[in-house]
Amino acid sequence: MILHELIDFGTLRVIWWALLGVLLIGFAMTDGFDMGTGALLPFVARNDTERRVVINTVGPVWEGNQVWFILGGGAIFAAWPPLYAISFSGFYMAMFIVLAAFIVRPVAFKYRSKRQSSTWRSVWDWALFAGGAVPALIFGVAVGNVLRGVPFRLNDFLMPTYEGSFFGLLNPFALLVGLTSLAMLTMHGAAWINLKTEGLIQSRARRFGTRAGVVAMAGYALAGLWLTMMPGYHFTHAVAVDGPSNPLFNGVAYGGSWLAAYADRPWIIAAPIMGFVGMAMALRGLQSGGEGATLLWSKMGILGVISSVGLTMFPFILPSSVDPDSSLTVWDSSSSHMTLFIMLVAAVFFMPIILAYTAWVYKVLWGKVTEEQIKASGETLY
C-alpha cells in the first residue's frame, strides 16, 4: 500500500476542511482581541499614558497572533487551490484593504512613540483603530457574501471569472454579518483589556464591551432569522466524496434553505448554542467584573459563531450565485490525495510546536499592564 492511502481521500478532505476551520477560529480567538483592542482604543483611553497602557496589553503578542492568519492563508492556497484563486481575486479590493490595515498596524505600533508630538501620536492611534476595526468588519462582510453566494463561474478549463464588484459585496445581509463580526471582536477585545488592565481603563472596557456584546448577540440572532428566508444550495444527485477535484462534475441547485442542515445533522445545533451561551456569559462577566473566565467565555462564543457557519454550509465552501454548478465544495475543490496527506503529516508535526510556543509566550508575559509601569519605562515600551 502506498503510504498516503492509509487515509482515504474523502476523509482527508474532511480533515483539511476541519483544520482550515481550526486555523480561522484560532486567528479570531487570538488576533481577534488584538483587533478588538485597536477598535476600542479611542474609547477606553483618554490620555497618552492610558493609550500606551492599552497598546502594550497586545504589544508583546500581536505578532505571534498573526501567525494564525498566515497559516490560514497558506492552508487555503495548498489544500483548496480553487478557493484561493476565486476568493483572493474576486475579493481583491476587500483583501487589499484588509492587508493595508494589517500593514499599517505594525507601523503604528513601532512608530507611535518615536516622537512626543501629540498630533503624531494621534495619527498613529487612529491607524491602530483602523487596523483593528476595518479587518473585523470586512471579514464579516466576506462571510455574509459566502452565505449568499459569490458571483463567479468556471469555464470548461476550470478558469474562474468573477462577475461582481467591490460595492456589490456591501449588500444588507453582508453588512449585518460584518457589523456582528465587528461587535463580537470588539467584545473580545474588551474582555482582553478587562483582563490586562485596571482602574478607569478596565471599567470603560467593561462598559463598551457590554454594549458591543449586546450588538453581537442581536446581530447573530437577526442573521440567523434572515437565513431562514434565504435560499441555500444543495446537490441535485449523489456525490462521490473521493471523486476528482472538478466542481463541474457535480450538479448543484439554488433553493431550499441552509438551515435544512440542522434537520440532516441535528447535532450541529451545539454550535449556535455555544455561540449564544459564550457571548451571554462573557457579557455577564464584563458586567460582574470577572476577568479570566470572561475571556474564555468570549473565546467560546467565537468558536460557536464561526463553527455554526461552517457546519451549516457543509459540504459547501464557496457557492456560486450566478452558476450553481460552479460552486466549490469539500468533495470537488481540494488538492490531490497525496498533497493533502503530506500536508497533514507536516501539520501534525508543526501544530503542537506552534501551540507550545504560543502558550509559553502567554505564560511569560502574563500579568497586568499598569500606568506606573508605562511611566517608569520611559520610551522602552510602545
Protein backbone atom coordinates (compact mmCIF):
# COMPACT_ATOMS: atom_id res chain seq x y z
CA MET A 1 0.00 0.00 0.00
CA ILE A 2 1.21 3.49 -0.84
CA LEU A 3 1.67 5.47 2.37
CA HIS A 4 -0.81 8.24 1.56
CA GLU A 5 -3.54 5.64 1.02
CA LEU A 6 -3.57 4.93 4.76
CA ILE A 7 -6.27 7.63 4.91
CA ASP A 8 -8.87 7.68 2.16
CA PHE A 9 -9.33 10.77 0.01
CA GLY A 10 -12.76 11.70 1.36
CA THR A 11 -11.58 11.56 4.97
CA LEU A 12 -8.54 13.70 4.17
CA ARG A 13 -10.80 16.28 2.57
CA VAL A 14 -12.94 16.47 5.71
CA ILE A 15 -9.83 16.67 7.90
CA TRP A 16 -8.50 19.63 5.92
CA TRP A 17 -11.89 21.31 5.93
CA ALA A 18 -11.84 20.97 9.74
CA LEU A 19 -8.21 22.12 10.00
CA LEU A 20 -9.00 25.21 7.95
CA GLY A 21 -11.80 25.95 10.40
CA VAL A 22 -9.42 25.45 13.33
CA LEU A 23 -6.94 27.93 11.83
CA LEU A 24 -9.61 30.55 11.18
CA ILE A 25 -11.08 30.12 14.66
CA GLY A 26 -7.59 30.28 16.17
CA PHE A 27 -7.00 33.53 14.29
CA ALA A 28 -10.28 35.00 15.54
CA MET A 29 -9.60 33.92 19.13
CA THR A 30 -6.08 35.37 19.25
CA ASP A 31 -5.69 38.19 16.75
CA GLY A 32 -9.39 38.88 17.30
CA PHE A 33 -8.72 40.50 20.65
CA ASP A 34 -5.87 42.47 19.05
CA MET A 35 -8.35 43.85 16.52
CA GLY A 36 -10.94 44.46 19.23
CA THR A 37 -8.39 46.27 21.39
CA GLY A 38 -7.49 48.53 18.46
CA ALA A 39 -11.16 49.23 17.78
CA LEU A 40 -11.66 50.22 21.43
CA LEU A 41 -8.51 52.36 21.74
CA PRO A 42 -10.20 55.77 21.17
CA PHE A 43 -12.99 54.93 23.62
CA VAL A 44 -11.32 53.33 26.63
CA ALA A 45 -8.19 55.51 26.78
CA ARG A 46 -8.46 59.27 27.31
CA ASN A 47 -4.83 60.42 27.58
CA ASP A 48 -1.44 59.37 26.22
CA THR A 49 -0.50 57.22 29.20
CA GLU A 50 -3.79 55.35 29.10
CA ARG A 51 -3.45 54.80 25.38
CA ARG A 52 0.05 53.38 25.91
CA VAL A 53 -1.34 51.05 28.57
CA VAL A 54 -3.95 49.71 26.13
CA ILE A 55 -1.45 49.36 23.29
CA ASN A 56 1.01 47.48 25.50
CA THR A 57 -1.60 44.92 26.52
CA VAL A 58 -1.29 43.49 22.99
CA GLY A 59 2.20 44.79 22.18
CA PRO A 60 4.06 41.59 23.15
CA VAL A 61 1.65 39.14 21.48
CA TRP A 62 0.08 40.65 18.35
CA GLU A 63 2.85 39.47 16.01
CA GLY A 64 2.57 35.88 17.19
CA ASN A 65 -1.21 36.02 16.93
CA GLN A 66 -0.97 36.89 13.23
CA VAL A 67 0.70 33.52 12.62
CA TRP A 68 -2.82 32.05 12.54
CA PHE A 69 -3.78 34.39 9.70
CA ILE A 70 -0.72 33.38 7.69
CA LEU A 71 -1.34 29.69 8.36
CA GLY A 72 -4.97 30.06 7.29
CA GLY A 73 -3.99 31.72 4.01
CA GLY A 74 -1.33 29.06 3.42
CA ALA A 75 -3.80 26.26 4.09
CA ILE A 76 -6.29 27.72 1.61
CA PHE A 77 -3.55 28.03 -1.01
CA ALA A 78 -2.22 24.50 -0.57
CA ALA A 79 -5.33 22.48 0.35
CA TRP A 80 -8.05 24.33 -1.57
CA PRO A 81 -6.44 25.97 -4.66
CA PRO A 82 -9.72 26.90 -6.42
CA LEU A 83 -10.96 28.60 -3.25
CA TYR A 84 -7.73 30.58 -3.04
CA ALA A 85 -7.88 31.60 -6.71
CA ILE A 86 -11.51 32.69 -6.67
CA SER A 87 -11.73 34.33 -3.26
CA PHE A 88 -8.44 36.22 -3.42
CA SER A 89 -9.15 37.50 -6.93
CA GLY A 90 -12.90 38.08 -6.55
CA PHE A 91 -12.49 39.79 -3.18
CA TYR A 92 -9.37 41.56 -4.41
CA MET A 93 -10.24 45.07 -3.26
CA ALA A 94 -11.58 43.85 0.08
CA MET A 95 -8.42 41.78 0.63
CA PHE A 96 -6.28 44.78 -0.36
CA ILE A 97 -7.99 46.91 2.29
CA VAL A 98 -7.53 44.19 4.93
CA LEU A 99 -3.86 43.75 4.09
CA ALA A 100 -3.34 47.53 4.03
CA ALA A 101 -4.85 47.70 7.52
CA PHE A 102 -2.61 44.86 8.68
CA ILE A 103 0.43 46.63 7.21
CA VAL A 104 -0.43 49.96 8.82
CA ARG A 105 -0.98 48.36 12.23
CA PRO A 106 2.62 47.20 12.87
CA VAL A 107 3.94 50.51 11.53
CA ALA A 108 1.72 52.27 14.05
CA PHE A 109 2.97 50.06 16.88
CA LYS A 110 6.60 50.75 16.01
CA TYR A 111 6.40 54.47 15.16
CA ARG A 112 3.77 55.84 17.54
CA SER A 113 6.07 56.61 20.46
CA LYS A 114 9.06 57.71 18.40
CA ARG A 115 8.05 61.36 18.79
CA GLN A 116 6.49 63.34 21.63
CA SER A 117 4.17 65.26 19.31
CA SER A 118 0.52 64.78 20.28
CA THR A 119 -0.52 65.15 16.64
CA TRP A 120 1.96 62.48 15.57
CA ARG A 121 0.73 60.05 18.21
CA SER A 122 -2.93 60.79 17.49
CA VAL A 123 -2.47 59.90 13.81
CA TRP A 124 -0.96 56.54 14.71
CA ASP A 125 -3.65 55.91 17.33
CA TRP A 126 -6.31 56.26 14.65
CA ALA A 127 -4.22 53.99 12.41
CA LEU A 128 -4.37 51.37 15.17
CA PHE A 129 -8.13 51.87 15.38
CA ALA A 130 -8.49 51.33 11.62
CA GLY A 131 -6.11 48.36 11.75
CA GLY A 132 -8.47 46.70 14.21
CA ALA A 133 -11.95 47.78 13.17
CA VAL A 134 -11.64 47.58 9.38
CA PRO A 135 -10.48 43.93 9.11
CA ALA A 136 -13.03 42.84 11.73
CA LEU A 137 -15.79 44.42 9.65
CA ILE A 138 -14.58 43.16 6.26
CA PHE A 139 -14.09 39.57 7.43
CA GLY A 140 -17.73 39.53 8.48
CA VAL A 141 -18.83 41.07 5.19
CA ALA A 142 -16.94 38.31 3.37
CA VAL A 143 -18.69 35.60 5.40
CA GLY A 144 -22.06 37.19 4.67
CA ASN A 145 -21.35 37.11 0.95
CA VAL A 146 -20.24 33.49 1.09
CA LEU A 147 -23.57 32.56 2.68
CA ARG A 148 -25.45 34.45 -0.06
CA GLY A 149 -23.32 33.04 -2.86
CA VAL A 150 -20.49 34.69 -4.78
CA PRO A 151 -20.93 35.79 -8.43
CA PHE A 152 -18.37 33.64 -10.23
CA ARG A 153 -18.41 30.90 -12.82
CA LEU A 154 -15.94 28.30 -14.10
CA ASN A 155 -15.37 27.57 -17.77
CA ASP A 156 -14.63 24.12 -19.18
CA PHE A 157 -10.95 24.54 -18.28
CA LEU A 158 -11.87 25.45 -14.68
CA MET A 159 -10.74 29.03 -15.19
CA PRO A 160 -12.80 31.27 -12.88
CA THR A 161 -14.48 34.51 -13.93
CA TYR A 162 -15.67 36.86 -11.21
CA GLU A 163 -18.72 38.89 -12.23
CA GLY A 164 -19.20 41.06 -9.16
CA SER A 165 -17.73 44.29 -7.82
CA PHE A 166 -16.46 45.60 -4.51
CA PHE A 167 -19.61 47.62 -3.87
CA GLY A 168 -21.70 44.57 -4.70
CA LEU A 169 -20.22 42.95 -1.61
CA LEU A 170 -21.77 45.68 0.55
CA ASN A 171 -25.30 44.28 0.50
CA PRO A 172 -27.58 44.49 3.55
CA PHE A 173 -27.11 40.90 4.76
CA ALA A 174 -23.33 41.04 4.40
CA LEU A 175 -23.20 44.38 6.23
CA LEU A 176 -25.26 42.87 9.05
CA VAL A 177 -22.80 39.98 9.35
CA GLY A 178 -19.92 42.46 9.15
CA LEU A 179 -21.39 44.53 11.98
CA THR A 180 -21.90 41.35 14.02
CA SER A 181 -18.27 40.37 13.42
CA LEU A 182 -17.03 43.82 14.44
CA ALA A 183 -19.16 43.83 17.59
CA MET A 184 -18.12 40.29 18.55
CA LEU A 185 -14.40 41.02 18.21
CA THR A 186 -14.85 44.36 19.99
CA MET A 187 -16.39 42.48 22.91
CA HIS A 188 -13.46 40.05 22.74
CA GLY A 189 -11.03 42.97 22.83
CA ALA A 190 -12.88 44.40 25.83
CA ALA A 191 -12.55 41.05 27.63
CA TRP A 192 -8.79 41.16 26.96
CA ILE A 193 -8.41 44.77 28.17
CA ASN A 194 -10.51 43.87 31.21
CA LEU A 195 -8.03 41.06 31.97
CA LYS A 196 -4.86 43.06 31.36
CA THR A 197 -5.65 46.49 32.89
CA GLU A 198 -7.15 48.05 35.99
CA GLY A 199 -8.88 51.21 37.15
CA LEU A 200 -10.64 53.54 34.73
CA ILE A 201 -9.41 51.78 31.59
CA GLN A 202 -10.78 48.48 32.86
CA SER A 203 -14.16 49.97 33.80
CA ARG A 204 -14.52 51.67 30.41
CA ALA A 205 -13.61 48.43 28.63
CA ARG A 206 -16.34 46.63 30.57
CA ARG A 207 -18.89 49.30 29.67
CA PHE A 208 -18.12 49.42 25.96
CA GLY A 209 -17.61 45.65 25.79
CA THR A 210 -21.07 45.12 27.25
CA ARG A 211 -22.61 47.33 24.59
CA ALA A 212 -20.66 45.54 21.85
CA GLY A 213 -21.74 42.16 23.21
CA VAL A 214 -25.41 43.12 23.10
CA VAL A 215 -25.00 44.22 19.47
CA ALA A 216 -23.13 40.99 18.62
CA MET A 217 -25.82 38.76 20.11
CA ALA A 218 -28.62 40.72 18.47
CA GLY A 219 -26.83 40.70 15.10
CA TYR A 220 -26.14 36.96 15.32
CA ALA A 221 -29.80 36.25 16.12
CA LEU A 222 -31.03 38.53 13.34
CA ALA A 223 -28.66 36.94 10.82
CA GLY A 224 -29.98 33.51 11.82
CA LEU A 225 -33.56 34.64 11.28
CA TRP A 226 -32.56 36.14 7.93
CA LEU A 227 -31.09 32.77 6.91
CA THR A 228 -34.49 31.15 7.37
CA MET A 229 -35.74 33.28 4.47
CA MET A 230 -32.58 33.00 2.34
CA PRO A 231 -32.33 30.15 -0.19
CA GLY A 232 -29.37 27.84 0.19
CA TYR A 233 -27.61 25.37 -2.08
CA HIS A 234 -27.84 21.61 -2.44
CA PHE A 235 -26.63 18.79 -4.69
CA THR A 236 -29.01 17.52 -7.34
CA HIS A 237 -27.63 13.95 -7.20
CA ALA A 238 -25.38 11.74 -5.11
CA VAL A 239 -21.75 12.88 -4.99
CA ALA A 240 -18.62 10.77 -4.74
CA VAL A 241 -16.64 12.01 -1.73
CA ASP A 242 -13.40 10.68 -3.23
CA GLY A 243 -14.05 11.88 -6.78
CA PRO A 244 -11.89 14.18 -8.92
CA SER A 245 -11.42 17.82 -7.94
CA ASN A 246 -13.69 19.23 -10.62
CA PRO A 247 -16.76 21.17 -9.42
CA LEU A 248 -18.39 20.90 -12.84
CA PHE A 249 -18.82 17.14 -12.38
CA ASN A 250 -21.34 17.68 -9.57
CA GLY A 251 -24.77 19.17 -10.11
CA VAL A 252 -25.77 21.93 -7.67
CA ALA A 253 -29.07 23.78 -7.42
CA TYR A 254 -30.04 27.03 -5.72
CA GLY A 255 -33.03 26.67 -3.41
CA GLY A 256 -34.22 25.16 -0.19
CA SER A 257 -32.63 26.52 2.96
CA TRP A 258 -29.21 26.45 4.59
CA LEU A 259 -30.98 25.58 7.83
CA ALA A 260 -32.03 22.23 6.38
CA ALA A 261 -28.61 21.09 7.56
CA TYR A 262 -29.97 21.08 11.13
CA ALA A 263 -32.59 18.51 10.15
CA ASP A 264 -29.98 16.34 8.42
CA ARG A 265 -27.37 16.68 11.21
CA PRO A 266 -29.20 17.71 14.41
CA TRP A 267 -26.01 17.63 16.48
CA ILE A 268 -24.69 20.79 14.81
CA ILE A 269 -27.20 22.82 16.84
CA ALA A 270 -24.46 22.69 19.50
CA ALA A 271 -22.51 25.33 17.55
CA PRO A 272 -25.02 28.22 17.67
CA ILE A 273 -25.88 27.29 21.27
CA MET A 274 -22.18 27.64 22.13
CA GLY A 275 -22.15 30.98 20.31
CA PHE A 276 -25.06 32.42 22.27
CA VAL A 277 -24.01 30.93 25.62
CA GLY A 278 -20.41 32.07 25.22
CA MET A 279 -21.35 35.63 24.34
CA ALA A 280 -24.02 35.78 27.07
CA MET A 281 -21.60 34.57 29.73
CA ALA A 282 -18.90 36.97 28.50
CA LEU A 283 -21.45 39.77 28.86
CA ARG A 284 -22.24 38.64 32.37
CA GLY A 285 -18.52 38.52 33.18
CA LEU A 286 -17.96 42.05 31.90
CA GLN A 287 -20.85 43.32 33.98
CA SER A 288 -19.85 41.46 37.15
CA GLY A 289 -16.11 42.17 36.96
CA GLY A 290 -14.88 38.67 36.06
CA GLU A 291 -11.55 38.55 34.23
CA GLY A 292 -10.02 35.25 33.11
CA ALA A 293 -13.32 33.40 32.80
CA THR A 294 -14.79 36.30 30.82
CA LEU A 295 -12.09 35.98 28.18
CA LEU A 296 -12.60 32.22 27.99
CA TRP A 297 -16.37 32.62 27.58
CA SER A 298 -15.73 35.14 24.81
CA LYS A 299 -13.49 32.62 23.06
CA MET A 300 -16.24 30.03 23.37
CA GLY A 301 -18.68 32.45 21.76
CA ILE A 302 -16.31 32.97 18.83
CA LEU A 303 -15.84 29.21 18.48
CA GLY A 304 -19.60 28.68 18.36
CA VAL A 305 -20.36 31.51 15.94
CA ILE A 306 -17.69 30.61 13.38
CA SER A 307 -18.34 26.87 13.70
CA SER A 308 -22.04 27.42 13.08
CA VAL A 309 -21.29 28.98 9.70
CA GLY A 310 -19.03 26.17 8.55
CA LEU A 311 -21.28 23.39 9.83
CA THR A 312 -24.40 24.98 8.34
CA MET A 313 -22.80 25.24 4.90
CA PHE A 314 -21.01 21.88 4.87
CA PRO A 315 -20.02 20.49 2.41
CA PHE A 316 -20.18 23.79 0.50
CA ILE A 317 -17.18 26.10 0.78
CA LEU A 318 -17.86 28.81 -1.81
CA PRO A 319 -21.23 28.62 -3.60
CA SER A 320 -21.74 30.46 -6.88
CA SER A 321 -24.76 32.74 -7.16
CA VAL A 322 -24.62 33.02 -10.98
CA ASP A 323 -23.78 29.41 -11.86
CA PRO A 324 -24.55 26.97 -9.00
CA ASP A 325 -22.79 24.13 -10.83
CA SER A 326 -19.53 26.07 -10.39
CA SER A 327 -19.90 26.04 -6.60
CA LEU A 328 -16.89 24.80 -4.65
CA THR A 329 -17.45 22.01 -2.12
CA VAL A 330 -15.33 19.84 0.14
CA TRP A 331 -15.74 16.94 -2.30
CA ASP A 332 -14.59 18.61 -5.52
CA SER A 333 -12.18 21.52 -4.91
CA SER A 334 -9.27 20.14 -2.91
CA SER A 335 -5.68 19.39 -3.80
CA SER A 336 -4.66 15.83 -4.65
CA HIS A 337 -4.83 12.89 -2.26
CA MET A 338 -1.05 12.82 -1.83
CA THR A 339 -0.78 16.58 -1.32
CA LEU A 340 -3.36 16.55 1.48
CA PHE A 341 -1.60 13.62 3.16
CA ILE A 342 1.85 15.24 3.06
CA MET A 343 0.37 18.48 4.42
CA LEU A 344 -1.36 16.56 7.20
CA VAL A 345 1.94 14.98 8.26
CA ALA A 346 3.51 18.46 8.37
CA ALA A 347 0.55 19.84 10.33
CA VAL A 348 0.73 17.02 12.89
CA PHE A 349 4.41 17.87 13.43
CA PHE A 350 4.28 21.68 13.45
CA MET A 351 0.92 22.47 15.07
CA PRO A 352 1.96 21.22 18.53
CA ILE A 353 5.12 23.34 18.28
CA ILE A 354 3.10 26.44 17.43
CA LEU A 355 0.66 25.77 20.26
CA ALA A 356 3.51 25.13 22.71
CA TYR A 357 5.45 28.31 21.99
CA THR A 358 2.24 30.36 21.93
CA ALA A 359 1.32 29.03 25.38
CA TRP A 360 4.86 29.71 26.63
CA VAL A 361 4.78 33.32 25.39
CA TYR A 362 1.45 34.00 27.12
CA LYS A 363 2.76 32.41 30.34
CA VAL A 364 5.93 34.51 30.35
CA LEU A 365 4.10 37.75 29.51
CA TRP A 366 1.18 37.17 31.88
CA GLY A 367 0.05 39.93 34.23
CA LYS A 368 -1.49 43.37 34.08
CA VAL A 369 -0.12 46.46 32.39
CA THR A 370 -0.32 49.48 34.69
CA GLU A 371 0.14 53.22 34.28
CA GLU A 372 3.02 53.07 36.76
CA GLN A 373 4.86 50.57 34.54
CA ILE A 374 4.34 52.80 31.49
CA LYS A 375 5.59 55.93 33.28
CA ALA A 376 8.61 54.11 34.66
CA SER A 377 9.53 52.59 31.29
CA GLY A 378 10.19 55.89 29.56
CA GLU A 379 10.29 55.10 25.85
CA THR A 380 11.25 51.41 26.13
CA LEU A 381 7.63 50.30 25.65
CA TYR A 382 5.24 51.16 22.82
